[in-house]
């Protein structure tokens, strides 16, 4: 059991190749799950307890997926391209999950942090189109 993403990242180079690969994928998946579906919780912890911000989760998730893509087992199982793409587009994946979270999971919660995140995300989407 890991209490932080940093602890999880610390096990990415486990000598057991299978475990190393699984830890790397878990780092990406867990960072995406937390930052995608629970961004308000992350921001709340950031402001109340000094926890890391969404950029930290993006960086750790991107790192986890890229490390997974670079692992030989990803190539062996045909997953290298998938994980490399997830790493490259982590911010967009997170933003898409944020929209789902905001509209379906927590539609009646409003905060200045949520508004700022939504504005930032909207600006990111506009730059892509």
Protein backbone atom coordinates (compact mmCIF):
# COMPACT_ATOMS: atom_id res chain seq x y z
CA UNK A 1 0.00 0.00 0.00
CA UNK A 2 1.29 3.41 -0.97
CA UNK A 3 0.35 6.67 0.72
CA UNK A 4 1.68 8.95 -2.02
CA UNK A 5 2.50 8.94 -5.71
CA UNK A 6 6.13 9.59 -4.77
CA UNK A 7 6.23 6.32 -2.82
CA UNK A 8 4.75 4.52 -5.79
CA UNK A 9 7.29 6.12 -8.12
CA UNK A 10 10.04 4.92 -5.83
CA UNK A 11 9.18 1.32 -6.72
CA UNK A 12 9.24 1.82 -10.49
CA UNK A 13 12.68 0.26 -10.74
CA UNK A 14 11.90 -2.90 -8.78
CA UNK A 15 14.30 -5.72 -9.75
CA UNK A 16 11.33 -7.94 -10.62
CA UNK A 17 10.50 -6.94 -14.22
CA UNK A 18 6.82 -7.81 -13.93
CA UNK A 19 6.40 -5.84 -10.71
CA UNK A 20 8.32 -2.90 -12.15
CA UNK A 21 6.03 -2.80 -15.18
CA UNK A 22 2.89 -3.06 -13.06
CA UNK A 23 4.05 -0.31 -10.69
CA UNK A 24 4.76 1.99 -13.64
CA UNK A 25 1.34 1.41 -15.15
CA UNK A 26 -0.30 1.81 -11.75
CA UNK A 27 1.46 5.14 -11.26
CA UNK A 28 -0.01 6.44 -14.52
CA UNK A 29 -3.45 4.95 -13.90
CA UNK A 30 -3.68 6.10 -10.29
CA UNK A 31 -2.55 9.64 -11.08
CA UNK A 32 -5.10 9.80 -13.91
CA UNK A 33 -7.89 8.40 -11.75
CA UNK A 34 -7.22 10.82 -8.89
CA UNK A 35 -6.62 13.93 -10.97
CA UNK A 36 -9.32 13.09 -13.50
CA UNK A 37 -12.21 12.19 -11.26
CA UNK A 38 -11.32 13.97 -8.03
CA UNK A 39 -9.64 17.25 -9.01
CA UNK A 40 -11.61 19.22 -6.42
CA UNK A 41 -10.36 16.91 -3.68
CA UNK A 42 -6.78 17.45 -4.84
CA UNK A 43 -7.26 21.21 -4.82
CA UNK A 44 -8.93 21.07 -1.41
CA UNK A 45 -5.97 19.13 0.00
CA UNK A 46 -3.57 21.52 -1.66
CA UNK A 47 -5.12 24.57 -0.05
CA UNK A 48 -5.92 23.02 3.34
CA UNK A 49 -2.91 20.81 3.93
CA UNK A 50 -0.26 21.92 1.47
CA UNK A 51 -0.63 18.88 -0.79
CA UNK A 52 0.55 18.78 -4.39
CA UNK A 53 -1.40 20.50 -7.15
CA UNK A 54 -2.89 19.06 -10.34
CA UNK A 55 0.30 19.80 -12.28
CA UNK A 56 2.16 17.42 -9.97
CA UNK A 57 -0.39 14.68 -10.64
CA UNK A 58 -0.10 15.31 -14.37
CA UNK A 59 3.67 15.07 -14.24
CA UNK A 60 3.63 11.89 -12.17
CA UNK A 61 0.97 10.29 -14.37
CA UNK A 62 2.81 11.25 -17.52
CA UNK A 63 5.99 9.84 -16.04
CA UNK A 64 4.31 6.58 -15.04
CA UNK A 65 2.84 6.01 -18.48
CA UNK A 66 6.10 6.92 -20.23
CA UNK A 67 8.09 4.59 -17.98
CA UNK A 68 5.55 1.86 -18.71
CA UNK A 69 5.85 2.52 -22.45
CA UNK A 70 9.63 2.22 -22.22
CA UNK A 71 9.49 -1.10 -20.36
CA UNK A 72 10.23 -4.23 -22.38
CA UNK A 73 7.01 -5.88 -21.19
CA UNK A 74 4.98 -3.10 -22.80
CA UNK A 75 6.57 -3.94 -26.12
CA UNK A 76 6.10 -7.66 -25.55
CA UNK A 77 2.39 -7.19 -24.90
CA UNK A 78 1.79 -4.61 -27.63
CA UNK A 79 1.14 -1.79 -25.15
CA UNK A 80 4.09 0.51 -25.79
CA UNK A 81 2.23 2.81 -28.19
CA UNK A 82 -0.82 2.96 -25.94
CA UNK A 83 1.19 4.01 -22.90
CA UNK A 84 3.34 6.45 -24.89
CA UNK A 85 0.19 8.10 -26.23
CA UNK A 86 -1.35 8.23 -22.76
CA UNK A 87 1.82 9.91 -21.49
CA UNK A 88 1.82 12.41 -24.34
CA UNK A 89 -1.87 13.25 -23.93
CA UNK A 90 -2.19 12.91 -20.17
CA UNK A 91 -3.40 16.49 -19.72
CA UNK A 92 -6.17 16.01 -22.25
CA UNK A 93 -7.22 12.71 -20.71
CA UNK A 94 -7.34 14.35 -17.29
CA UNK A 95 -9.36 17.28 -18.61
CA UNK A 96 -11.88 14.95 -20.26
CA UNK A 97 -12.31 13.06 -17.00
CA UNK A 98 -12.63 16.38 -15.15
CA UNK A 99 -15.58 17.27 -17.38
CA UNK A 100 -17.23 13.94 -16.57
CA UNK A 101 -16.57 14.43 -12.87
CA UNK A 102 -17.90 17.99 -12.89
CA UNK A 103 -21.06 17.19 -14.81
CA UNK A 104 -21.95 13.69 -13.61
CA UNK A 105 -20.25 12.85 -10.33
CA UNK A 106 -20.23 16.21 -8.52
CA UNK A 107 -22.54 18.54 -10.47
CA UNK A 108 -23.63 20.67 -7.52
CA UNK A 109 -20.24 21.57 -6.10
CA UNK A 110 -18.78 24.95 -6.89
CA UNK A 111 -15.56 26.57 -5.79
CA UNK A 112 -13.14 29.20 -7.06
CA UNK A 113 -10.60 26.42 -7.64
CA UNK A 114 -13.05 24.50 -9.84
CA UNK A 115 -13.84 27.61 -11.85
CA UNK A 116 -10.14 28.35 -12.39
CA UNK A 117 -9.50 24.74 -13.42
CA UNK A 118 -12.40 24.85 -15.87
CA UNK A 119 -11.19 28.12 -17.39
CA UNK A 120 -7.66 26.75 -17.73
CA UNK A 121 -8.96 23.56 -19.31
CA UNK A 122 -11.12 25.50 -21.75
CA UNK A 123 -8.11 27.57 -22.79
CA UNK A 124 -6.09 24.38 -23.30
CA UNK A 125 -8.80 22.90 -25.54
CA UNK A 126 -9.07 26.09 -27.59
CA UNK A 127 -5.32 26.08 -28.26
CA UNK A 128 -5.64 22.59 -29.73
CA UNK A 129 -8.40 23.48 -32.17
